[in-house]
């Protein structure tokens, strides 16, 4: 959406909030800045129809009606009681954080809601800084399972899907889940809900959910237990345990920046004629760290302990076996 159109929508909202009477389209055209740019009546009405549709999609309660029984032309207004937020008091840093959060959601399922929140904040008189400087984080929702799982959560319907356990070579298991919510943690999306097959609460990484996702039963059948903290559950499930040791790694120059942030640089070191650095990292789960390091290929080499180096090689062998086995044959 262009800044001119966004500004016109905000002006339209403020105009319709400021009156108890129904305003006709012609009155709105003469009052709201931005509509004067229309080159003809037809262009104005096309612009106005698009804006009305946009406001309704954003959740703005746009009403239509006539001021009296003698009026022949319908007008528009916004009921304050259905629209207004409670008192909102944000300092400059908080307002910037709100704008930054709104920029995170780039999926069709979430972008409309994020934009609607910003429009309502502006209409409530809150200055929201959208410049954001050079920081433009994105929380992407590219997994095919995202949209159907989010729809099931919103509708309160049970879902059934196939889920691959433990990584790209793990077993595929059919799951029937009462979905409670979809949350993002450390750049990944997770579904949290009650797993009927295991009779317990479970979380599922969306990148390991294999479409299709099938919704079962009637809407409203799933209810989230009061006091449920989805983020706390995901964090407790996937957060690492206590430190059990350290590992020394060689990391190629200019590579594995995430690993560098978590590790401690011991000093420069060459390996196989390539420049790089020697890093020290804390070990909690050797198997988890091994899977992570294996994904960096030749850009990361385990110097010690030898047990971690063996686990990394085992991961490589497993991937190679899975991709070279004949089609349909077990790896």
C-alpha atoms as a PDB file:
ATOM      1  CA  UNK A   1       0.000   0.000   0.000  1.00  0.00           C
ATOM      2  CA  UNK A   2       1.342   3.438  -0.947  1.00  0.00           C
ATOM      3  CA  UNK A   3       1.891   6.022   1.769  1.00  0.00           C
ATOM      4  CA  UNK A   4      -0.641   8.333   0.079  1.00  0.00           C
ATOM      5  CA  UNK A   5      -3.357   5.694   0.233  1.00  0.00           C
ATOM      6  CA  UNK A   6      -2.517   4.779   3.827  1.00  0.00           C
ATOM      7  CA  UNK A   7      -2.739   8.437   4.810  1.00  0.00           C
ATOM      8  CA  UNK A   8      -6.065   8.785   2.994  1.00  0.00           C
ATOM      9  CA  UNK A   9      -7.477   5.757   4.850  1.00  0.00           C
ATOM     10  CA  UNK A  10      -6.440   7.213   8.188  1.00  0.00           C
ATOM     11  CA  UNK A  11      -8.025  10.536   7.268  1.00  0.00           C
ATOM     12  CA  UNK A  12     -11.209   8.720   6.250  1.00  0.00           C
ATOM     13  CA  UNK A  13     -11.347   6.870   9.558  1.00  0.00           C
ATOM     14  CA  UNK A  14     -10.820  10.084  11.537  1.00  0.00           C
ATOM     15  CA  UNK A  15     -13.521  11.840   9.545  1.00  0.00           C
ATOM     16  CA  UNK A  16     -16.100   9.090  10.041  1.00  0.00           C
ATOM     17  CA  UNK A  17     -15.270   8.841  13.731  1.00  0.00           C
ATOM     18  CA  UNK A  18     -15.741  12.567  14.269  1.00  0.00           C
ATOM     19  CA  UNK A  19     -19.436  12.634  13.360  1.00  0.00           C
ATOM     20  CA  UNK A  20     -22.581  10.969  14.637  1.00  0.00           C
ATOM     21  CA  UNK A  21     -24.399  11.646  11.392  1.00  0.00           C
ATOM     22  CA  UNK A  22     -24.107   9.609   8.219  1.00  0.00           C
ATOM     23  CA  UNK A  23     -21.906  11.440   5.707  1.00  0.00           C
ATOM     24  CA  UNK A  24     -22.628  11.088   2.015  1.00  0.00           C
ATOM     25  CA  UNK A  25     -19.912  10.163  -0.462  1.00  0.00           C
ATOM     26  CA  UNK A  26     -19.933  13.697  -1.885  1.00  0.00           C
ATOM     27  CA  UNK A  27     -19.506  15.205   1.581  1.00  0.00           C
ATOM     28  CA  UNK A  28     -16.614  12.819   2.250  1.00  0.00           C
ATOM     29  CA  UNK A  29     -15.039  13.768  -1.083  1.00  0.00           C
ATOM     30  CA  UNK A  30     -15.104  17.425  -0.116  1.00  0.00           C
ATOM     31  CA  UNK A  31     -13.901  16.841   3.451  1.00  0.00           C
ATOM     32  CA  UNK A  32     -11.270  14.088   3.454  1.00  0.00           C
ATOM     33  CA  UNK A  33      -7.806  15.040   2.153  1.00  0.00           C
ATOM     34  CA  UNK A  34      -6.677  12.777  -0.654  1.00  0.00           C
ATOM     35  CA  UNK A  35      -9.911  12.464  -2.599  1.00  0.00           C
ATOM     36  CA  UNK A  36      -9.336  15.763  -4.383  1.00  0.00           C
ATOM     37  CA  UNK A  37      -6.743  13.920  -6.477  1.00  0.00           C
ATOM     38  CA  UNK A  38      -9.534  12.063  -8.302  1.00  0.00           C
ATOM     39  CA  UNK A  39      -9.703  13.372 -11.866  1.00  0.00           C
ATOM     40  CA  UNK A  40     -13.406  12.578 -12.361  1.00  0.00           C
ATOM     41  CA  UNK A  41     -16.523  11.414 -10.522  1.00  0.00           C
ATOM     42  CA  UNK A  42     -15.961   7.893 -11.793  1.00  0.00           C
ATOM     43  CA  UNK A  43     -12.367   7.877 -10.556  1.00  0.00           C
ATOM     44  CA  UNK A  44     -13.494   9.115  -7.127  1.00  0.00           C
ATOM     45  CA  UNK A  45     -16.151   6.442  -6.729  1.00  0.00           C
ATOM     46  CA  UNK A  46     -13.714   3.703  -7.738  1.00  0.00           C
ATOM     47  CA  UNK A  47     -11.226   5.043  -5.188  1.00  0.00           C
ATOM     48  CA  UNK A  48     -13.899   5.313  -2.489  1.00  0.00           C
ATOM     49  CA  UNK A  49     -15.189   1.781  -3.106  1.00  0.00           C
ATOM     50  CA  UNK A  50     -11.670   0.372  -2.775  1.00  0.00           C
ATOM     51  CA  UNK A  51     -11.150   2.283   0.464  1.00  0.00           C
ATOM     52  CA  UNK A  52     -14.435   1.045   1.935  1.00  0.00           C
ATOM     53  CA  UNK A  53     -13.523  -2.527   1.102  1.00  0.00           C
ATOM     54  CA  UNK A  54     -10.061  -2.059   2.633  1.00  0.00           C
ATOM     55  CA  UNK A  55     -11.482  -0.671   5.880  1.00  0.00           C
ATOM     56  CA  UNK A  56     -13.946  -3.531   6.239  1.00  0.00           C
ATOM     57  CA  UNK A  57     -11.190  -6.088   5.614  1.00  0.00           C
ATOM     58  CA  UNK A  58      -9.143  -4.392   8.335  1.00  0.00           C
ATOM     59  CA  UNK A  59     -12.014  -4.860  10.775  1.00  0.00           C
ATOM     60  CA  UNK A  60     -13.199  -1.234  10.856  1.00  0.00           C
ATOM     61  CA  UNK A  61     -16.981  -1.254  11.620  1.00  0.00           C
ATOM     62  CA  UNK A  62     -18.148   0.926   8.723  1.00  0.00           C
ATOM     63  CA  UNK A  63     -21.903   1.607   8.946  1.00  0.00           C
ATOM     64  CA  UNK A  64     -24.243   2.756   6.191  1.00  0.00           C
ATOM     65  CA  UNK A  65     -27.524   4.594   6.687  1.00  0.00           C
ATOM     66  CA  UNK A  66     -29.469   7.815   6.165  1.00  0.00           C
ATOM     67  CA  UNK A  67     -29.804  10.825   8.421  1.00  0.00           C
ATOM     68  CA  UNK A  68     -33.607  10.835   8.146  1.00  0.00           C
ATOM     69  CA  UNK A  69     -36.451   9.184   6.331  1.00  0.00           C
ATOM     70  CA  UNK A  70     -36.467  12.080   3.849  1.00  0.00           C
ATOM     71  CA  UNK A  71     -32.903  11.508   2.637  1.00  0.00           C
ATOM     72  CA  UNK A  72     -32.505   9.643  -0.627  1.00  0.00           C
ATOM     73  CA  UNK A  73     -28.726   9.139  -0.511  1.00  0.00           C
ATOM     74  CA  UNK A  74     -26.967   6.757   1.843  1.00  0.00           C
ATOM     75  CA  UNK A  75     -24.158   7.943   4.069  1.00  0.00           C
ATOM     76  CA  UNK A  76     -21.365   6.415   6.128  1.00  0.00           C
ATOM     77  CA  UNK A  77     -20.034   6.592   9.674  1.00  0.00           C
ATOM     78  CA  UNK A  78     -18.026   4.575  12.213  1.00  0.00           C
ATOM     79  CA  UNK A  79     -19.580   3.758  15.580  1.00  0.00           C
ATOM     80  CA  UNK A  80     -17.080   4.818  18.235  1.00  0.00           C
ATOM     81  CA  UNK A  81     -18.188   2.158  20.696  1.00  0.00           C
ATOM     82  CA  UNK A  82     -17.441  -0.627  18.209  1.00  0.00           C
ATOM     83  CA  UNK A  83     -14.124   0.790  17.067  1.00  0.00           C
ATOM     84  CA  UNK A  84     -12.217   2.733  19.680  1.00  0.00           C
ATOM     85  CA  UNK A  85      -9.340   1.252  21.623  1.00  0.00           C
ATOM     86  CA  UNK A  86      -8.900   1.776  25.315  1.00  0.00           C
ATOM     87  CA  UNK A  87      -6.386   4.335  26.505  1.00  0.00           C
ATOM     88  CA  UNK A  88      -3.061   3.731  24.760  1.00  0.00           C
ATOM     89  CA  UNK A  89       0.030   5.462  26.104  1.00  0.00           C
ATOM     90  CA  UNK A  90       3.273   4.544  24.327  1.00  0.00           C
ATOM     91  CA  UNK A  91       6.591   6.286  24.642  1.00  0.00           C
ATOM     92  CA  UNK A  92       8.756   6.836  21.559  1.00  0.00           C
ATOM     93  CA  UNK A  93      10.635   3.544  21.897  1.00  0.00           C
ATOM     94  CA  UNK A  94       7.439   1.547  22.446  1.00  0.00           C
ATOM     95  CA  UNK A  95       5.769   3.145  19.436  1.00  0.00           C
ATOM     96  CA  UNK A  96       8.796   2.289  17.293  1.00  0.00           C
ATOM     97  CA  UNK A  97       8.658  -1.285  18.598  1.00  0.00           C
ATOM     98  CA  UNK A  98       4.985  -1.532  17.594  1.00  0.00           C
ATOM     99  CA  UNK A  99       5.807  -0.380  14.071  1.00  0.00           C
ATOM    100  CA  UNK A 100       8.696  -2.831  13.896  1.00  0.00           C
ATOM    101  CA  UNK A 101       6.442  -5.674  15.046  1.00  0.00           C
ATOM    102  CA  UNK A 102       3.926  -4.749  12.366  1.00  0.00           C
ATOM    103  CA  UNK A 103       6.641  -5.113   9.733  1.00  0.00           C
ATOM    104  CA  UNK A 104       7.442  -8.676  10.796  1.00  0.00           C
ATOM    105  CA  UNK A 105       4.345 -10.316   9.414  1.00  0.00           C
ATOM    106  CA  UNK A 106       4.703 -10.740   5.661  1.00  0.00           C
ATOM    107  CA  UNK A 107       2.341 -13.688   5.155  1.00  0.00           C
ATOM    108  CA  UNK A 108      -1.142 -13.089   3.671  1.00  0.00           C
ATOM    109  CA  UNK A 109      -2.691 -14.615   6.797  1.00  0.00           C
ATOM    110  CA  UNK A 110      -1.099 -12.043   9.121  1.00  0.00           C
ATOM    111  CA  UNK A 111      -0.221  -8.955   7.092  1.00  0.00           C
ATOM    112  CA  UNK A 112      -3.807  -7.639   7.056  1.00  0.00           C
ATOM    113  CA  UNK A 113      -4.151  -7.908  10.827  1.00  0.00           C
ATOM    114  CA  UNK A 114      -0.797  -6.196  11.378  1.00  0.00           C
ATOM    115  CA  UNK A 115      -1.681  -3.336   9.050  1.00  0.00           C
ATOM    116  CA  UNK A 116      -5.109  -2.994  10.670  1.00  0.00           C
ATOM    117  CA  UNK A 117      -3.508  -2.649  14.102  1.00  0.00           C
ATOM    118  CA  UNK A 118      -1.300   0.181  12.878  1.00  0.00           C
ATOM    119  CA  UNK A 119      -4.247   1.988  11.274  1.00  0.00           C
ATOM    120  CA  UNK A 120      -6.223   1.781  14.528  1.00  0.00           C
ATOM    121  CA  UNK A 121      -3.275   3.046  16.572  1.00  0.00           C
ATOM    122  CA  UNK A 122      -2.922   6.056  14.308  1.00  0.00           C
ATOM    123  CA  UNK A 123      -6.641   6.733  14.520  1.00  0.00           C
ATOM    124  CA  UNK A 124      -6.344   6.633  18.320  1.00  0.00           C
ATOM    125  CA  UNK A 125      -3.752   9.396  18.118  1.00  0.00           C
ATOM    126  CA  UNK A 126      -0.670   7.246  18.666  1.00  0.00           C
ATOM    127  CA  UNK A 127       2.343   8.322  16.622  1.00  0.00           C
ATOM    128  CA  UNK A 128       3.889   5.169  15.120  1.00  0.00           C
ATOM    129  CA  UNK A 129       7.341   5.545  13.624  1.00  0.00           C
ATOM    130  CA  UNK A 130       7.598   3.305  10.572  1.00  0.00           C
ATOM    131  CA  UNK A 131      11.037   4.423   9.405  1.00  0.00           C
ATOM    132  CA  UNK A 132      12.706   1.606  11.414  1.00  0.00           C
ATOM    133  CA  UNK A 133      16.133   2.717  10.195  1.00  0.00           C
ATOM    134  CA  UNK A 134      18.111  -0.079   8.598  1.00  0.00           C
ATOM    135  CA  UNK A 135      16.567  -2.837  10.720  1.00  0.00           C
ATOM    136  CA  UNK A 136      13.975  -4.837   8.792  1.00  0.00           C
ATOM    137  CA  UNK A 137      13.468  -8.264  10.373  1.00  0.00           C
ATOM    138  CA  UNK A 138      11.058 -10.705   8.803  1.00  0.00           C
ATOM    139  CA  UNK A 139       9.197 -13.636  10.332  1.00  0.00           C
ATOM    140  CA  UNK A 140       8.335 -15.667   7.276  1.00  0.00           C
ATOM    141  CA  UNK A 141       5.496 -18.128   7.090  1.00  0.00           C
ATOM    142  CA  UNK A 142       6.521 -20.016   3.963  1.00  0.00           C
ATOM    143  CA  UNK A 143       5.686 -23.522   5.241  1.00  0.00           C
ATOM    144  CA  UNK A 144       2.725 -24.986   3.304  1.00  0.00           C
ATOM    145  CA  UNK A 145       1.162 -26.169   6.574  1.00  0.00           C
ATOM    146  CA  UNK A 146       1.022 -22.652   8.042  1.00  0.00           C
ATOM    147  CA  UNK A 147      -2.236 -21.443   6.484  1.00  0.00           C
ATOM    148  CA  UNK A 148      -4.382 -24.572   7.090  1.00  0.00           C
ATOM    149  CA  UNK A 149      -3.103 -24.969  10.668  1.00  0.00           C
ATOM    150  CA  UNK A 150      -3.744 -21.309  11.470  1.00  0.00           C
ATOM    151  CA  UNK A 151      -7.245 -21.614   9.982  1.00  0.00           C
ATOM    152  CA  UNK A 152      -7.899 -24.706  12.122  1.00  0.00           C
ATOM    153  CA  UNK A 153      -6.757 -22.872  15.260  1.00  0.00           C
ATOM    154  CA  UNK A 154      -9.050 -19.958  14.495  1.00  0.00           C
ATOM    155  CA  UNK A 155     -11.990 -22.268  13.741  1.00  0.00           C
ATOM    156  CA  UNK A 156     -11.341 -24.558  16.717  1.00  0.00           C
ATOM    157  CA  UNK A 157     -11.177 -27.726  14.587  1.00  0.00           C
ATOM    158  CA  UNK A 158      -9.175 -30.914  15.075  1.00  0.00           C
ATOM    159  CA  UNK A 159      -6.459 -31.559  12.461  1.00  0.00           C
ATOM    160  CA  UNK A 160      -4.753 -34.644  11.078  1.00  0.00           C
ATOM    161  CA  UNK A 161      -1.381 -34.592   9.323  1.00  0.00           C
ATOM    162  CA  UNK A 162       1.845 -36.524   8.770  1.00  0.00           C
ATOM    163  CA  UNK A 163       4.850 -35.383  10.789  1.00  0.00           C
ATOM    164  CA  UNK A 164       8.497 -36.265  10.243  1.00  0.00           C
ATOM    165  CA  UNK A 165      10.294 -36.832  13.521  1.00  0.00           C
ATOM    166  CA  UNK A 166      13.880 -35.823  14.274  1.00  0.00           C
ATOM    167  CA  UNK A 167      14.999 -34.368  10.946  1.00  0.00           C
ATOM    168  CA  UNK A 168      15.023 -35.062   7.206  1.00  0.00           C
ATOM    169  CA  UNK A 169      15.694 -38.812   7.626  1.00  0.00           C
ATOM    170  CA  UNK A 170      13.295 -39.372  10.555  1.00  0.00           C
ATOM    171  CA  UNK A 171      10.195 -41.543  10.582  1.00  0.00           C
ATOM    172  CA  UNK A 172       6.913 -40.139   9.264  1.00  0.00           C
ATOM    173  CA  UNK A 173       4.063 -40.547  11.757  1.00  0.00           C
ATOM    174  CA  UNK A 174       0.372 -39.694  11.378  1.00  0.00           C
ATOM    175  CA  UNK A 175      -0.867 -37.303  14.090  1.00  0.00           C
ATOM    176  CA  UNK A 176      -4.343 -36.225  15.185  1.00  0.00           C
ATOM    177  CA  UNK A 177      -4.114 -32.986  17.148  1.00  0.00           C
ATOM    178  CA  UNK A 178      -6.407 -30.524  18.888  1.00  0.00           C
ATOM    179  CA  UNK A 179      -4.587 -27.320  17.841  1.00  0.00           C
ATOM    180  CA  UNK A 180      -4.219 -24.591  20.460  1.00  0.00           C
ATOM    181  CA  UNK A 181      -2.029 -22.120  18.608  1.00  0.00           C
ATOM    182  CA  UNK A 182       0.792 -21.433  16.149  1.00  0.00           C
ATOM    183  CA  UNK A 183       3.805 -19.535  17.510  1.00  0.00           C
ATOM    184  CA  UNK A 184       7.214 -18.440  16.236  1.00  0.00           C
ATOM    185  CA  UNK A 185      10.323 -19.121  18.319  1.00  0.00           C
ATOM    186  CA  UNK A 186      13.918 -18.547  17.212  1.00  0.00           C
ATOM    187  CA  UNK A 187      12.928 -18.155  13.571  1.00  0.00           C
ATOM    188  CA  UNK A 188      10.824 -21.332  13.370  1.00  0.00           C
ATOM    189  CA  UNK A 189       7.071 -21.897  13.507  1.00  0.00           C
ATOM    190  CA  UNK A 190       5.520 -24.433  15.876  1.00  0.00           C
ATOM    191  CA  UNK A 191       2.041 -25.836  16.388  1.00  0.00           C
ATOM    192  CA  UNK A 192       1.108 -26.480  20.016  1.00  0.00           C
ATOM    193  CA  UNK A 193      -1.861 -28.650  20.909  1.00  0.00           C
ATOM    194  CA  UNK A 194      -3.201 -31.822  22.465  1.00  0.00           C
ATOM    195  CA  UNK A 195      -1.924 -34.906  20.632  1.00  0.00           C
ATOM    196  CA  UNK A 196      -4.711 -37.465  20.763  1.00  0.00           C
ATOM    197  CA  UNK A 197      -2.396 -40.287  19.715  1.00  0.00           C
ATOM    198  CA  UNK A 198      -0.030 -39.659  22.620  1.00  0.00           C
ATOM    199  CA  UNK A 199      -2.719 -38.381  24.998  1.00  0.00           C
ATOM    200  CA  UNK A 200      -0.516 -35.427  25.943  1.00  0.00           C
ATOM    201  CA  UNK A 201       0.396 -31.863  24.983  1.00  0.00           C
ATOM    202  CA  UNK A 202       2.913 -31.729  22.137  1.00  0.00           C
ATOM    203  CA  UNK A 203       4.531 -29.180  19.813  1.00  0.00           C
ATOM    204  CA  UNK A 204       5.300 -29.737  16.129  1.00  0.00           C
ATOM    205  CA  UNK A 205       7.721 -27.812  13.938  1.00  0.00           C
ATOM    206  CA  UNK A 206       5.759 -26.710  10.872  1.00  0.00           C
ATOM    207  CA  UNK A 207       8.663 -27.375   8.521  1.00  0.00           C
ATOM    208  CA  UNK A 208       8.324 -31.076   9.420  1.00  0.00           C
ATOM    209  CA  UNK A 209       4.565 -31.236   8.821  1.00  0.00           C
ATOM    210  CA  UNK A 210       3.885 -32.959   5.503  1.00  0.00           C
ATOM    211  CA  UNK A 211       0.798 -31.671   3.633  1.00  0.00           C
ATOM    212  CA  UNK A 212      -2.052 -32.091   3.318  1.00  0.00           C
ATOM    213  CA  UNK A 213      -3.434 -30.926   6.655  1.00  0.00           C
ATOM    214  CA  UNK A 214      -6.973 -32.260   7.075  1.00  0.00           C
ATOM    215  CA  UNK A 215      -9.479 -30.510   9.360  1.00  0.00           C
ATOM    216  CA  UNK A 216     -11.855 -32.858  11.186  1.00  0.00           C
ATOM    217  CA  UNK A 217     -15.140 -32.405  12.984  1.00  0.00           C
ATOM    218  CA  UNK A 218     -17.195 -29.299  13.598  1.00  0.00           C
ATOM    219  CA  UNK A 219     -15.866 -25.786  14.215  1.00  0.00           C
ATOM    220  CA  UNK A 220     -15.604 -24.846  17.879  1.00  0.00           C
ATOM    221  CA  UNK A 221     -14.844 -28.387  19.050  1.00  0.00           C
ATOM    222  CA  UNK A 222     -11.373 -27.426  20.317  1.00  0.00           C
ATOM    223  CA  UNK A 223     -10.969 -25.204  23.365  1.00  0.00           C
ATOM    224  CA  UNK A 224      -7.681 -23.936  24.765  1.00  0.00           C
ATOM    225  CA  UNK A 225      -7.304 -24.602  28.513  1.00  0.00           C
ATOM    226  CA  UNK A 226      -7.371 -21.367  30.552  1.00  0.00           C
ATOM    227  CA  UNK A 227      -3.942 -19.993  31.404  1.00  0.00           C
ATOM    228  CA  UNK A 228      -2.161 -21.833  28.581  1.00  0.00           C
ATOM    229  CA  UNK A 229       1.158 -20.185  27.665  1.00  0.00           C
ATOM    230  CA  UNK A 230       2.072 -21.511  24.225  1.00  0.00           C
ATOM    231  CA  UNK A 231       5.424 -19.724  24.032  1.00  0.00           C
ATOM    232  CA  UNK A 232       6.486 -20.979  27.459  1.00  0.00           C
ATOM    233  CA  UNK A 233       5.670 -24.547  26.426  1.00  0.00           C
ATOM    234  CA  UNK A 234       7.715 -24.327  23.202  1.00  0.00           C
ATOM    235  CA  UNK A 235      10.605 -22.690  25.034  1.00  0.00           C
ATOM    236  CA  UNK A 236      10.684 -25.351  27.736  1.00  0.00           C
ATOM    237  CA  UNK A 237      10.528 -28.121  25.109  1.00  0.00           C
ATOM    238  CA  UNK A 238      13.325 -26.939  22.838  1.00  0.00           C
ATOM    239  CA  UNK A 239      15.586 -24.847  25.041  1.00  0.00           C
ATOM    240  CA  UNK A 240      18.920 -26.457  25.727  1.00  0.00           C
ATOM    241  CA  UNK A 241      19.768 -28.086  29.027  1.00  0.00           C
ATOM    242  CA  UNK A 242      22.793 -27.437  31.274  1.00  0.00           C
ATOM    243  CA  UNK A 243      26.296 -27.162  29.844  1.00  0.00           C
ATOM    244  CA  UNK A 244      28.050 -30.564  29.905  1.00  0.00           C
ATOM    245  CA  UNK A 245      31.328 -29.600  28.221  1.00  0.00           C
ATOM    246  CA  UNK A 246      32.959 -27.574  25.463  1.00  0.00           C
ATOM    247  CA  UNK A 247      33.987 -28.189  21.871  1.00  0.00           C
ATOM    248  CA  UNK A 248      36.682 -26.666  19.669  1.00  0.00           C
ATOM    249  CA  UNK A 249      35.768 -25.939  16.041  1.00  0.00           C
ATOM    250  CA  UNK A 250      37.410 -24.541  12.954  1.00  0.00           C
ATOM    251  CA  UNK A 251      35.094 -22.133  11.082  1.00  0.00           C
ATOM    252  CA  UNK A 252      35.903 -20.886   7.592  1.00  0.00           C
ATOM    253  CA  UNK A 253      36.435 -17.165   7.131  1.00  0.00           C
ATOM    254  CA  UNK A 254      33.159 -15.327   6.479  1.00  0.00           C
ATOM    255  CA  UNK A 255      30.986 -18.393   7.191  1.00  0.00           C
ATOM    256  CA  UNK A 256      28.655 -19.646   9.974  1.00  0.00           C
ATOM    257  CA  UNK A 257      27.863 -16.244  11.464  1.00  0.00           C
ATOM    258  CA  UNK A 258      25.211 -17.646  13.790  1.00  0.00           C
ATOM    259  CA  UNK A 259      27.743 -20.105  15.182  1.00  0.00           C
ATOM    260  CA  UNK A 260      30.246 -17.304  15.661  1.00  0.00           C
ATOM    261  CA  UNK A 261      27.734 -15.306  17.715  1.00  0.00           C
ATOM    262  CA  UNK A 262      27.197 -18.230  20.085  1.00  0.00           C
ATOM    263  CA  UNK A 263      30.846 -19.271  20.328  1.00  0.00           C
ATOM    264  CA  UNK A 264      34.028 -17.650  21.570  1.00  0.00           C
ATOM    265  CA  UNK A 265      36.789 -16.940  19.061  1.00  0.00           C
ATOM    266  CA  UNK A 266      40.072 -18.397  20.298  1.00  0.00           C
ATOM    267  CA  UNK A 267      42.137 -17.027  17.412  1.00  0.00           C
ATOM    268  CA  UNK A 268      42.805 -17.271  13.669  1.00  0.00           C
ATOM    269  CA  UNK A 269      43.590 -20.705  12.260  1.00  0.00           C
ATOM    270  CA  UNK A 270      43.995 -22.298   8.831  1.00  0.00           C
ATOM    271  CA  UNK A 271      42.593 -25.690   7.920  1.00  0.00           C
ATOM    272  CA  UNK A 272      43.389 -27.445   4.663  1.00  0.00           C
ATOM    273  CA  UNK A 273      44.875 -24.219   3.335  1.00  0.00           C
ATOM    274  CA  UNK A 274      41.676 -22.222   4.029  1.00  0.00           C
ATOM    275  CA  UNK A 275      41.756 -19.217   6.392  1.00  0.00           C
ATOM    276  CA  UNK A 276      39.362 -19.174   9.322  1.00  0.00           C
ATOM    277  CA  UNK A 277      39.040 -19.056  13.090  1.00  0.00           C
ATOM    278  CA  UNK A 278      39.133 -21.497  15.947  1.00  0.00           C
ATOM    279  CA  UNK A 279      35.997 -21.291  18.076  1.00  0.00           C
ATOM    280  CA  UNK A 280      34.998 -22.712  21.419  1.00  0.00           C
ATOM    281  CA  UNK A 281      31.323 -23.485  22.069  1.00  0.00           C
ATOM    282  CA  UNK A 282      29.415 -24.866  25.027  1.00  0.00           C
ATOM    283  CA  UNK A 283      27.969 -28.356  24.689  1.00  0.00           C
ATOM    284  CA  UNK A 284      24.580 -29.265  26.054  1.00  0.00           C
ATOM    285  CA  UNK A 285      23.221 -31.938  23.742  1.00  0.00           C
ATOM    286  CA  UNK A 286      25.946 -33.420  21.516  1.00  0.00           C
ATOM    287  CA  UNK A 287      23.421 -34.902  19.091  1.00  0.00           C
ATOM    288  CA  UNK A 288      21.625 -31.579  18.635  1.00  0.00           C
ATOM    289  CA  UNK A 289      24.910 -29.715  18.121  1.00  0.00           C
ATOM    290  CA  UNK A 290      26.089 -32.393  15.684  1.00  0.00           C
ATOM    291  CA  UNK A 291      22.984 -31.981  13.492  1.00  0.00           C
ATOM    292  CA  UNK A 292      23.500 -28.226  13.515  1.00  0.00           C
ATOM    293  CA  UNK A 293      27.197 -28.443  12.620  1.00  0.00           C
ATOM    294  CA  UNK A 294      26.574 -31.030   9.905  1.00  0.00           C
ATOM    295  CA  UNK A 295      24.440 -28.492   8.068  1.00  0.00           C
ATOM    296  CA  UNK A 296      27.472 -26.251   7.543  1.00  0.00           C
ATOM    297  CA  UNK A 297      29.293 -28.896   5.489  1.00  0.00           C
ATOM    298  CA  UNK A 298      32.997 -28.253   4.882  1.00  0.00           C
ATOM    299  CA  UNK A 299      32.821 -24.727   6.363  1.00  0.00           C
ATOM    300  CA  UNK A 300      32.930 -26.124   9.922  1.00  0.00           C
ATOM    301  CA  UNK A 301      35.309 -28.810  11.233  1.00  0.00           C
ATOM    302  CA  UNK A 302      35.153 -30.344  14.709  1.00  0.00           C
ATOM    303  CA  UNK A 303      38.623 -30.302  16.267  1.00  0.00           C
ATOM    304  CA  UNK A 304      37.529 -31.904  19.531  1.00  0.00           C
ATOM    305  CA  UNK A 305      35.987 -33.853  21.170  1.00  0.00           C
ATOM    306  CA  UNK A 306      36.222 -36.857  18.815  1.00  0.00           C
ATOM    307  CA  UNK A 307      32.753 -38.066  19.902  1.00  0.00           C
ATOM    308  CA  UNK A 308      31.182 -34.903  18.452  1.00  0.00           C
ATOM    309  CA  UNK A 309      33.182 -35.270  15.225  1.00  0.00           C
ATOM    310  CA  UNK A 310      31.897 -38.841  14.858  1.00  0.00           C
ATOM    311  CA  UNK A 311      28.279 -37.723  15.345  1.00  0.00           C
ATOM    312  CA  UNK A 312      28.722 -35.093  12.609  1.00  0.00           C
ATOM    313  CA  UNK A 313      30.112 -37.734  10.230  1.00  0.00           C
ATOM    314  CA  UNK A 314      27.212 -40.046  11.101  1.00  0.00           C
ATOM    315  CA  UNK A 315      24.775 -37.298  10.122  1.00  0.00           C
ATOM    316  CA  UNK A 316      26.510 -36.853   6.783  1.00  0.00           C
ATOM    317  CA  UNK A 317      26.444 -40.607   6.140  1.00  0.00           C
ATOM    318  CA  UNK A 318      22.733 -40.739   6.988  1.00  0.00           C
ATOM    319  CA  UNK A 319      21.904 -37.941   4.553  1.00  0.00           C
ATOM    320  CA  UNK A 320      24.057 -39.503   1.826  1.00  0.00           C
ATOM    321  CA  UNK A 321      22.417 -42.897   2.311  1.00  0.00           C
ATOM    322  CA  UNK A 322      18.920 -41.402   2.201  1.00  0.00           C
ATOM    323  CA  UNK A 323      19.630 -39.591  -1.064  1.00  0.00           C
ATOM    324  CA  UNK A 324      21.448 -42.418  -2.849  1.00  0.00           C
ATOM    325  CA  UNK A 325      19.185 -45.351  -1.927  1.00  0.00           C
ATOM    326  CA  UNK A 326      17.090 -46.682  -4.863  1.00  0.00           C
ATOM    327  CA  UNK A 327      13.609 -45.165  -5.071  1.00  0.00           C
ATOM    328  CA  UNK A 328      11.211 -47.098  -2.847  1.00  0.00           C
ATOM    329  CA  UNK A 329      13.997 -49.072  -1.135  1.00  0.00           C
ATOM    330  CA  UNK A 330      14.732 -48.610   2.562  1.00  0.00           C
ATOM    331  CA  UNK A 331      17.903 -46.545   3.206  1.00  0.00           C
END
